[in-house]
Amino acid sequence: MLLIPCPYCGPRPELEFRHAGEAHIARPANPDATAAGAWSEYLYVRSNPKGRHIERWRHASGCNRFFNCVRDTVTDVIEATYPAGEARR
């Protein structure tokens, strides 16, 4: 079982968490003026790298807060976790 270090609660088993997709995706500044293709890309297109990836997680069975996690998708090794809203690591 993967142990995920919540930046607010400390290390907890992965069953307490919910994956929330790729982190640091910027919403278009003016959605009403955004072309349909660009809006569709914002909503659906995500990278799927093999290796280091920054993801957003939610501690659903704990503090219920979102945070970012730097994880290797091949080995599942977690390099760091940090609160949502902080700069990319």
PDB file of N, CA and C in Angstrom:
ATOM      1  N   MET A   1       0.849  -1.183   0.000  1.00  0.00           N
ATOM      2  CA  MET A   1       0.000   0.000   0.000  1.00  0.00           C
ATOM      3  C   MET A   1       0.891   1.243   0.000  1.00  0.00           C
ATOM      4  N   LEU A   2       0.485   2.218  -0.772  1.00  0.00           N
ATOM      5  CA  LEU A   2       1.207   3.483  -0.878  1.00  0.00           C
ATOM      6  C   LEU A   2       0.895   4.347   0.341  1.00  0.00           C
ATOM      7  N   LEU A   3       1.918   4.938   0.934  1.00  0.00           N
ATOM      8  CA  LEU A   3       1.767   5.847   2.055  1.00  0.00           C
ATOM      9  C   LEU A   3       1.948   7.254   1.512  1.00  0.00           C
ATOM     10  N   ILE A   4       0.913   8.068   1.577  1.00  0.00           N
ATOM     11  CA  ILE A   4       0.960   9.426   1.035  1.00  0.00           C
ATOM     12  C   ILE A   4       1.099  10.408   2.189  1.00  0.00           C
ATOM     13  N   PRO A   5       2.142  11.253   2.160  1.00  0.00           N
ATOM     14  CA  PRO A   5       2.319  12.235   3.238  1.00  0.00           C
ATOM     15  C   PRO A   5       1.471  13.484   3.008  1.00  0.00           C
ATOM     16  N   CYS A   6       0.324  13.557   3.668  1.00  0.00           N
ATOM     17  CA  CYS A   6      -0.513  14.747   3.593  1.00  0.00           C
ATOM     18  C   CYS A   6       0.253  15.898   4.242  1.00  0.00           C
ATOM     19  N   PRO A   7       0.352  17.062   3.591  1.00  0.00           N
ATOM     20  CA  PRO A   7       1.095  18.171   4.192  1.00  0.00           C
ATOM     21  C   PRO A   7       0.426  18.733   5.446  1.00  0.00           C
ATOM     22  N   TYR A   8      -0.816  18.349   5.695  1.00  0.00           N
ATOM     23  CA  TYR A   8      -1.546  18.848   6.859  1.00  0.00           C
ATOM     24  C   TYR A   8      -1.655  17.807   7.971  1.00  0.00           C
ATOM     25  N   CYS A   9      -1.763  16.518   7.612  1.00  0.00           N
ATOM     26  CA  CYS A   9      -2.026  15.447   8.587  1.00  0.00           C
ATOM     27  C   CYS A   9      -0.873  14.465   8.760  1.00  0.00           C
ATOM     28  N   GLY A  10       0.104  14.508   7.871  1.00  0.00           N
ATOM     29  CA  GLY A  10       1.189  13.546   7.931  1.00  0.00           C
ATOM     30  C   GLY A  10       0.898  12.327   7.062  1.00  0.00           C
ATOM     31  N   PRO A  11       1.768  11.306   7.125  1.00  0.00           N
ATOM     32  CA  PRO A  11       1.618  10.114   6.281  1.00  0.00           C
ATOM     33  C   PRO A  11       0.349   9.320   6.606  1.00  0.00           C
ATOM     34  N   ARG A  12      -0.388   8.978   5.549  1.00  0.00           N
ATOM     35  CA  ARG A  12      -1.619   8.200   5.695  1.00  0.00           C
ATOM     36  C   ARG A  12      -1.700   7.204   4.540  1.00  0.00           C
ATOM     37  N   PRO A  13      -2.452   6.108   4.694  1.00  0.00           N
ATOM     38  CA  PRO A  13      -2.587   5.122   3.612  1.00  0.00           C
ATOM     39  C   PRO A  13      -3.361   5.714   2.432  1.00  0.00           C
ATOM     40  N   GLU A  14      -3.022   5.239   1.239  1.00  0.00           N
ATOM     41  CA  GLU A  14      -3.611   5.772   0.009  1.00  0.00           C
ATOM     42  C   GLU A  14      -5.134   5.659  -0.042  1.00  0.00           C
ATOM     43  N   LEU A  15      -5.720   4.739   0.697  1.00  0.00           N
ATOM     44  CA  LEU A  15      -7.176   4.565   0.696  1.00  0.00           C
ATOM     45  C   LEU A  15      -7.912   5.798   1.214  1.00  0.00           C
ATOM     46  N   GLU A  16      -7.223   6.664   1.954  1.00  0.00           N
ATOM     47  CA  GLU A  16      -7.837   7.868   2.494  1.00  0.00           C
ATOM     48  C   GLU A  16      -7.895   9.007   1.480  1.00  0.00           C
ATOM     49  N   PHE A  17      -7.259   8.848   0.324  1.00  0.00           N
ATOM     50  CA  PHE A  17      -7.104   9.934  -0.638  1.00  0.00           C
ATOM     51  C   PHE A  17      -7.872   9.697  -1.921  1.00  0.00           C
ATOM     52  N   ARG A  18      -8.146  10.785  -2.646  1.00  0.00           N
ATOM     53  CA  ARG A  18      -8.753  10.732  -3.973  1.00  0.00           C
ATOM     54  C   ARG A  18      -7.879  11.533  -4.926  1.00  0.00           C
ATOM     55  N   HIS A  19      -7.574  10.918  -6.043  1.00  0.00           N
ATOM     56  CA  HIS A  19      -6.774  11.576  -7.078  1.00  0.00           C
ATOM     57  C   HIS A  19      -7.640  12.633  -7.746  1.00  0.00           C
ATOM     58  N   ALA A  20      -7.079  13.810  -7.984  1.00  0.00           N
ATOM     59  CA  ALA A  20      -7.863  14.907  -8.570  1.00  0.00           C
ATOM     60  C   ALA A  20      -7.230  15.452  -9.843  1.00  0.00           C
ATOM     61  N   GLY A  21      -6.375  14.675 -10.479  1.00  0.00           N
ATOM     62  CA  GLY A  21      -5.830  15.071 -11.777  1.00  0.00           C
ATOM     63  C   GLY A  21      -4.506  15.789 -11.701  1.00  0.00           C
ATOM     64  N   GLU A  22      -4.128  16.341 -12.831  1.00  0.00           N
ATOM     65  CA  GLU A  22      -2.852  17.044 -12.956  1.00  0.00           C
ATOM     66  C   GLU A  22      -2.917  18.382 -12.223  1.00  0.00           C
ATOM     67  N   ALA A  23      -1.838  18.748 -11.563  1.00  0.00           N
ATOM     68  CA  ALA A  23      -1.786  20.009 -10.821  1.00  0.00           C
ATOM     69  C   ALA A  23      -1.290  21.137 -11.712  1.00  0.00           C
ATOM     70  N   HIS A  24      -1.529  22.356 -11.267  1.00  0.00           N
ATOM     71  CA  HIS A  24      -1.032  23.577 -11.913  1.00  0.00           C
ATOM     72  C   HIS A  24      -1.573  23.771 -13.327  1.00  0.00           C
ATOM     73  N   ILE A  25      -2.843  23.463 -13.538  1.00  0.00           N
ATOM     74  CA  ILE A  25      -3.506  23.720 -14.813  1.00  0.00           C
ATOM     75  C   ILE A  25      -4.183  25.085 -14.683  1.00  0.00           C
ATOM     76  N   ALA A  26      -3.767  26.033 -15.510  1.00  0.00           N
ATOM     77  CA  ALA A  26      -4.298  27.402 -15.417  1.00  0.00           C
ATOM     78  C   ALA A  26      -5.606  27.520 -16.194  1.00  0.00           C
ATOM     79  N   ARG A  27      -6.633  28.002 -15.521  1.00  0.00           N
ATOM     80  CA  ARG A  27      -7.926  28.249 -16.160  1.00  0.00           C
ATOM     81  C   ARG A  27      -7.792  29.456 -17.083  1.00  0.00           C
ATOM     82  N   PRO A  28      -8.443  29.444 -18.237  1.00  0.00           N
ATOM     83  CA  PRO A  28      -8.382  30.614 -19.119  1.00  0.00           C
ATOM     84  C   PRO A  28      -8.864  31.868 -18.391  1.00  0.00           C
ATOM     85  N   ALA A  29      -8.189  32.983 -18.621  1.00  0.00           N
ATOM     86  CA  ALA A  29      -8.502  34.235 -17.916  1.00  0.00           C
ATOM     87  C   ALA A  29      -9.922  34.710 -18.207  1.00  0.00           C
ATOM     88  N   ASN A  30     -10.383  34.573 -19.439  1.00  0.00           N
ATOM     89  CA  ASN A  30     -11.720  35.012 -19.811  1.00  0.00           C
ATOM     90  C   ASN A  30     -12.437  33.860 -20.518  1.00  0.00           C
ATOM     91  N   PRO A  31     -13.114  32.983 -19.775  1.00  0.00           N
ATOM     92  CA  PRO A  31     -13.750  31.810 -20.379  1.00  0.00           C
ATOM     93  C   PRO A  31     -14.745  32.151 -21.489  1.00  0.00           C
ATOM     94  N   ASP A  32     -15.469  33.262 -21.352  1.00  0.00           N
ATOM     95  CA  ASP A  32     -16.463  33.634 -22.364  1.00  0.00           C
ATOM     96  C   ASP A  32     -15.825  33.973 -23.703  1.00  0.00           C
ATOM     97  N   ALA A  33     -14.586  34.453 -23.682  1.00  0.00           N
ATOM     98  CA  ALA A  33     -13.896  34.835 -24.914  1.00  0.00           C
ATOM     99  C   ALA A  33     -12.969  33.735 -25.430  1.00  0.00           C
ATOM    100  N   THR A  34     -12.931  32.618 -24.736  1.00  0.00           N
ATOM    101  CA  THR A  34     -12.052  31.514 -25.133  1.00  0.00           C
ATOM    102  C   THR A  34     -12.707  30.697 -26.240  1.00  0.00           C
ATOM    103  N   ALA A  35     -11.952  30.423 -27.287  1.00  0.00           N
ATOM    104  CA  ALA A  35     -12.466  29.620 -28.404  1.00  0.00           C
ATOM    105  C   ALA A  35     -12.809  28.212 -27.929  1.00  0.00           C
ATOM    106  N   ALA A  36     -13.752  27.586 -28.620  1.00  0.00           N
ATOM    107  CA  ALA A  36     -14.227  26.258 -28.229  1.00  0.00           C
ATOM    108  C   ALA A  36     -13.089  25.243 -28.178  1.00  0.00           C
ATOM    109  N   GLY A  37     -12.183  25.288 -29.149  1.00  0.00           N
ATOM    110  CA  GLY A  37     -11.065  24.342 -29.173  1.00  0.00           C
ATOM    111  C   GLY A  37     -10.135  24.521 -27.988  1.00  0.00           C
ATOM    112  N   ALA A  38      -9.845  25.779 -27.639  1.00  0.00           N
ATOM    113  CA  ALA A  38      -8.969  26.060 -26.491  1.00  0.00           C
ATOM    114  C   ALA A  38      -9.653  25.665 -25.186  1.00  0.00           C
ATOM    115  N   TRP A  39     -10.963  25.897 -25.103  1.00  0.00           N
ATOM    116  CA  TRP A  39     -11.707  25.535 -23.899  1.00  0.00           C
ATOM    117  C   TRP A  39     -11.733  24.016 -23.742  1.00  0.00           C
ATOM    118  N   SER A  40     -11.955  23.305 -24.823  1.00  0.00           N
ATOM    119  CA  SER A  40     -11.958  21.848 -24.804  1.00  0.00           C
ATOM    120  C   SER A  40     -10.586  21.309 -24.385  1.00  0.00           C
ATOM    121  N   GLU A  41      -9.529  21.929 -24.886  1.00  0.00           N
ATOM    122  CA  GLU A  41      -8.175  21.501 -24.509  1.00  0.00           C
ATOM    123  C   GLU A  41      -7.939  21.720 -23.014  1.00  0.00           C
ATOM    124  N   TYR A  42      -8.395  22.865 -22.481  1.00  0.00           N
ATOM    125  CA  TYR A  42      -8.251  23.134 -21.049  1.00  0.00           C
ATOM    126  C   TYR A  42      -8.982  22.069 -20.225  1.00  0.00           C
ATOM    127  N   LEU A  43     -10.179  21.694 -20.653  1.00  0.00           N
ATOM    128  CA  LEU A  43     -10.982  20.749 -19.884  1.00  0.00           C
ATOM    129  C   LEU A  43     -10.493  19.309 -19.961  1.00  0.00           C
ATOM    130  N   TYR A  44     -10.006  18.887 -21.129  1.00  0.00           N
ATOM    131  CA  TYR A  44      -9.778  17.459 -21.330  1.00  0.00           C
ATOM    132  C   TYR A  44      -8.343  17.011 -21.595  1.00  0.00           C
ATOM    133  N   VAL A  45      -7.496  17.887 -22.086  1.00  0.00           N
ATOM    134  CA  VAL A  45      -6.149  17.450 -22.473  1.00  0.00           C
ATOM    135  C   VAL A  45      -5.205  17.573 -21.280  1.00  0.00           C
ATOM    136  N   ARG A  46      -4.623  16.460 -20.909  1.00  0.00           N
ATOM    137  CA  ARG A  46      -3.659  16.421 -19.806  1.00  0.00           C
ATOM    138  C   ARG A  46      -2.447  15.627 -20.247  1.00  0.00           C
ATOM    139  N   SER A  47      -1.310  15.941 -19.633  1.00  0.00           N
ATOM    140  CA  SER A  47      -0.116  15.159 -19.940  1.00  0.00           C
ATOM    141  C   SER A  47      -0.210  13.824 -19.189  1.00  0.00           C
ATOM    142  N   ASN A  48       0.452  12.843 -19.693  1.00  0.00           N
ATOM    143  CA  ASN A  48       0.456  11.529 -19.062  1.00  0.00           C
ATOM    144  C   ASN A  48       1.895  11.006 -19.108  1.00  0.00           C
ATOM    145  N   PRO A  49       2.786  11.663 -18.363  1.00  0.00           N
ATOM    146  CA  PRO A  49       4.201  11.335 -18.485  1.00  0.00           C
ATOM    147  C   PRO A  49       4.577  10.016 -17.811  1.00  0.00           C
ATOM    148  N   LYS A  50       5.631   9.464 -18.302  1.00  0.00           N
ATOM    149  CA  LYS A  50       6.236   8.309 -17.655  1.00  0.00           C
ATOM    150  C   LYS A  50       7.392   8.882 -16.844  1.00  0.00           C
ATOM    151  N   GLY A  51       7.266   8.872 -15.530  1.00  0.00           N
ATOM    152  CA  GLY A  51       8.289   9.456 -14.663  1.00  0.00           C
ATOM    153  C   GLY A  51       7.696  10.507 -13.743  1.00  0.00           C
ATOM    154  N   ARG A  52       8.467  11.548 -13.484  1.00  0.00           N
ATOM    155  CA  ARG A  52       8.084  12.598 -12.532  1.00  0.00           C
ATOM    156  C   ARG A  52       6.850  13.359 -13.030  1.00  0.00           C
ATOM    157  N   HIS A  53       5.866  13.485 -12.136  1.00  0.00           N
ATOM    158  CA  HIS A  53       4.606  14.129 -12.490  1.00  0.00           C
ATOM    159  C   HIS A  53       4.059  14.837 -11.261  1.00  0.00           C
ATOM    160  N   ILE A  54       3.467  16.011 -11.462  1.00  0.00           N
ATOM    161  CA  ILE A  54       2.876  16.753 -10.347  1.00  0.00           C
ATOM    162  C   ILE A  54       1.364  16.603 -10.430  1.00  0.00           C
ATOM    163  N   GLU A  55       0.789  16.042  -9.376  1.00  0.00           N
ATOM    164  CA  GLU A  55      -0.639  15.730  -9.351  1.00  0.00           C
ATOM    165  C   GLU A  55      -1.328  16.467  -8.207  1.00  0.00           C
ATOM    166  N   ARG A  56      -2.634  16.583  -8.326  1.00  0.00           N
ATOM    167  CA  ARG A  56      -3.446  17.145  -7.250  1.00  0.00           C
ATOM    168  C   ARG A  56      -4.171  15.984  -6.569  1.00  0.00           C
ATOM    169  N   TRP A  57      -4.177  15.998  -5.252  1.00  0.00           N
ATOM    170  CA  TRP A  57      -4.854  14.981  -4.456  1.00  0.00           C
ATOM    171  C   TRP A  57      -5.730  15.658  -3.410  1.00  0.00           C
ATOM    172  N   ARG A  58      -6.724  14.910  -2.906  1.00  0.00           N
ATOM    173  CA  ARG A  58      -7.584  15.392  -1.813  1.00  0.00           C
ATOM    174  C   ARG A  58      -7.595  14.334  -0.722  1.00  0.00           C
ATOM    175  N   HIS A  59      -7.381  14.775   0.508  1.00  0.00           N
ATOM    176  CA  HIS A  59      -7.396  13.864   1.654  1.00  0.00           C
ATOM    177  C   HIS A  59      -8.857  13.687   2.086  1.00  0.00           C
ATOM    178  N   ALA A  60      -9.579  12.849   1.340  1.00  0.00           N
ATOM    179  CA  ALA A  60     -11.025  12.690   1.499  1.00  0.00           C
ATOM    180  C   ALA A  60     -11.448  12.144   2.856  1.00  0.00           C
ATOM    181  N   SER A  61     -10.666  11.245   3.428  1.00  0.00           N
ATOM    182  CA  SER A  61     -11.035  10.640   4.718  1.00  0.00           C
ATOM    183  C   SER A  61     -10.257  11.245   5.879  1.00  0.00           C
ATOM    184  N   GLY A  62      -9.715  12.428   5.654  1.00  0.00           N
ATOM    185  CA  GLY A  62      -8.945  13.103   6.697  1.00  0.00           C
ATOM    186  C   GLY A  62      -9.367  14.562   6.781  1.00  0.00           C
ATOM    187  N   CYS A  63      -8.438  15.440   6.470  1.00  0.00           N
ATOM    188  CA  CYS A  63      -8.690  16.876   6.579  1.00  0.00           C
ATOM    189  C   CYS A  63      -9.549  17.422   5.434  1.00  0.00           C
ATOM    190  N   ASN A  64      -9.756  16.621   4.377  1.00  0.00           N
ATOM    191  CA  ASN A  64     -10.576  16.981   3.216  1.00  0.00           C
ATOM    192  C   ASN A  64      -9.994  18.151   2.425  1.00  0.00           C
ATOM    193  N   ARG A  65      -8.705  18.367   2.529  1.00  0.00           N
ATOM    194  CA  ARG A  65      -8.054  19.477   1.828  1.00  0.00           C
ATOM    195  C   ARG A  65      -7.319  18.961   0.590  1.00  0.00           C
ATOM    196  N   PHE A  66      -7.212  19.841  -0.398  1.00  0.00           N
ATOM    197  CA  PHE A  66      -6.446  19.535  -1.599  1.00  0.00           C
ATOM    198  C   PHE A  66      -4.980  19.869  -1.379  1.00  0.00           C
ATOM    199  N   PHE A  67      -4.108  19.115  -2.037  1.00  0.00           N
ATOM    200  CA  PHE A  67      -2.677  19.393  -2.011  1.00  0.00           C
ATOM    201  C   PHE A  67      -2.064  18.838  -3.284  1.00  0.00           C
ATOM    202  N   ASN A  68      -0.830  19.230  -3.547  1.00  0.00           N
ATOM    203  CA  ASN A  68      -0.110  18.756  -4.722  1.00  0.00           C
ATOM    204  C   ASN A  68       0.923  17.723  -4.302  1.00  0.00           C
ATOM    205  N   CYS A  69       1.160  16.780  -5.188  1.00  0.00           N
ATOM    206  CA  CYS A  69       2.064  15.671  -4.914  1.00  0.00           C
ATOM    207  C   CYS A  69       2.994  15.474  -6.105  1.00  0.00           C
ATOM    208  N   VAL A  70       4.294  15.451  -5.853  1.00  0.00           N
ATOM    209  CA  VAL A  70       5.279  15.162  -6.891  1.00  0.00           C
ATOM    210  C   VAL A  70       5.586  13.677  -6.784  1.00  0.00           C
ATOM    211  N   ARG A  71       5.145  12.918  -7.815  1.00  0.00           N
ATOM    212  CA  ARG A  71       5.239  11.456  -7.761  1.00  0.00           C
ATOM    213  C   ARG A  71       5.819  10.911  -9.057  1.00  0.00           C
ATOM    214  N   ASP A  72       6.631   9.880  -8.934  1.00  0.00           N
ATOM    215  CA  ASP A  72       7.148   9.181 -10.108  1.00  0.00           C
ATOM    216  C   ASP A  72       6.104   8.141 -10.501  1.00  0.00           C
ATOM    217  N   THR A  73       5.576   8.238 -11.715  1.00  0.00           N
ATOM    218  CA  THR A  73       4.497   7.347 -12.140  1.00  0.00           C
ATOM    219  C   THR A  73       4.967   5.935 -12.441  1.00  0.00           C
ATOM    220  N   VAL A  74       6.279   5.740 -12.545  1.00  0.00           N
ATOM    221  CA  VAL A  74       6.818   4.403 -12.808  1.00  0.00           C
ATOM    222  C   VAL A  74       7.034   3.645 -11.499  1.00  0.00           C
ATOM    223  N   THR A  75       7.660   4.313 -10.531  1.00  0.00           N
ATOM    224  CA  THR A  75       8.023   3.653  -9.277  1.00  0.00           C
ATOM    225  C   THR A  75       7.050   3.931  -8.126  1.00  0.00           C
ATOM    226  N   ASP A  76       6.162   4.891  -8.287  1.00  0.00           N
ATOM    227  CA  ASP A  76       5.243   5.355  -7.234  1.00  0.00           C
ATOM    228  C   ASP A  76       5.962   6.014  -6.060  1.00  0.00           C
ATOM    229  N   VAL A  77       7.208   6.388  -6.231  1.00  0.00           N
ATOM    230  CA  VAL A  77       7.940   7.093  -5.179  1.00  0.00           C
ATOM    231  C   VAL A  77       7.453   8.538  -5.134  1.00  0.00           C
ATOM    232  N   ILE A  78       7.085   8.998  -3.947  1.00  0.00           N
ATOM    233  CA  ILE A  78       6.627  10.370  -3.761  1.00  0.00           C
ATOM    234  C   ILE A  78       7.812  11.217  -3.331  1.00  0.00           C
ATOM    235  N   GLU A  79       8.128  12.207  -4.144  1.00  0.00           N
ATOM    236  CA  GLU A  79       9.264  13.101  -3.888  1.00  0.00           C
ATOM    237  C   GLU A  79       8.895  14.181  -2.879  1.00  0.00           C
ATOM    238  N   ALA A  80       7.684  14.742  -3.004  1.00  0.00           N
ATOM    239  CA  ALA A  80       7.266  15.823  -2.115  1.00  0.00           C
ATOM    240  C   ALA A  80       5.759  16.001  -2.197  1.00  0.00           C
ATOM    241  N   THR A  81       5.188  16.562  -1.142  1.00  0.00           N
ATOM    242  CA  THR A  81       3.808  17.032  -1.165  1.00  0.00           C
ATOM    243  C   THR A  81       3.822  18.443  -0.610  1.00  0.00           C
ATOM    244  N   TYR A  82       2.900  19.270  -1.096  1.00  0.00           N
ATOM    245  CA  TYR A  82       2.830  20.648  -0.624  1.00  0.00           C
ATOM    246  C   TYR A  82       1.407  21.180  -0.836  1.00  0.00           C
ATOM    247  N   PRO A  83       1.012  22.179  -0.047  1.00  0.00           N
ATOM    248  CA  PRO A  83      -0.356  22.691  -0.129  1.00  0.00           C
ATOM    249  C   PRO A  83      -0.703  23.241  -1.514  1.00  0.00           C
ATOM    250  N   ALA A  84      -1.951  23.082  -1.900  1.00  0.00           N
ATOM    251  CA  ALA A  84      -2.434  23.654  -3.153  1.00  0.00           C
ATOM    252  C   ALA A  84      -2.280  25.176  -3.068  1.00  0.00           C
ATOM    253  N   GLY A  85      -1.938  25.793  -4.164  1.00  0.00           N
ATOM    254  CA  GLY A  85      -1.757  27.239  -4.189  1.00  0.00           C
ATOM    255  C   GLY A  85      -0.301  27.656  -4.099  1.00  0.00           C
ATOM    256  N   GLU A  86       0.563  26.763  -3.642  1.00  0.00           N
ATOM    257  CA  GLU A  86       1.984  27.069  -3.596  1.00  0.00           C
ATOM    258  C   GLU A  86       2.589  26.891  -4.985  1.00  0.00           C
ATOM    259  N   ALA A  87       3.744  27.506  -5.214  1.00  0.00           N
ATOM    260  CA  ALA A  87       4.418  27.433  -6.511  1.00  0.00           C
ATOM    261  C   ALA A  87       4.828  25.989  -6.827  1.00  0.00           C
ATOM    262  N   ARG A  88       4.882  25.698  -8.108  1.00  0.00           N
ATOM    263  CA  ARG A  88       5.300  24.380  -8.613  1.00  0.00           C
ATOM    264  C   ARG A  88       6.680  24.026  -8.078  1.00  0.00           C
ATOM    265  N   ARG A  89       6.860  22.767  -7.720  1.00  0.00           N
ATOM    266  CA  ARG A  89       8.174  22.299  -7.236  1.00  0.00           C
ATOM    267  C   ARG A  89       8.840  21.418  -8.228  1.00  0.00           C
TER     268      ARG A  89
END
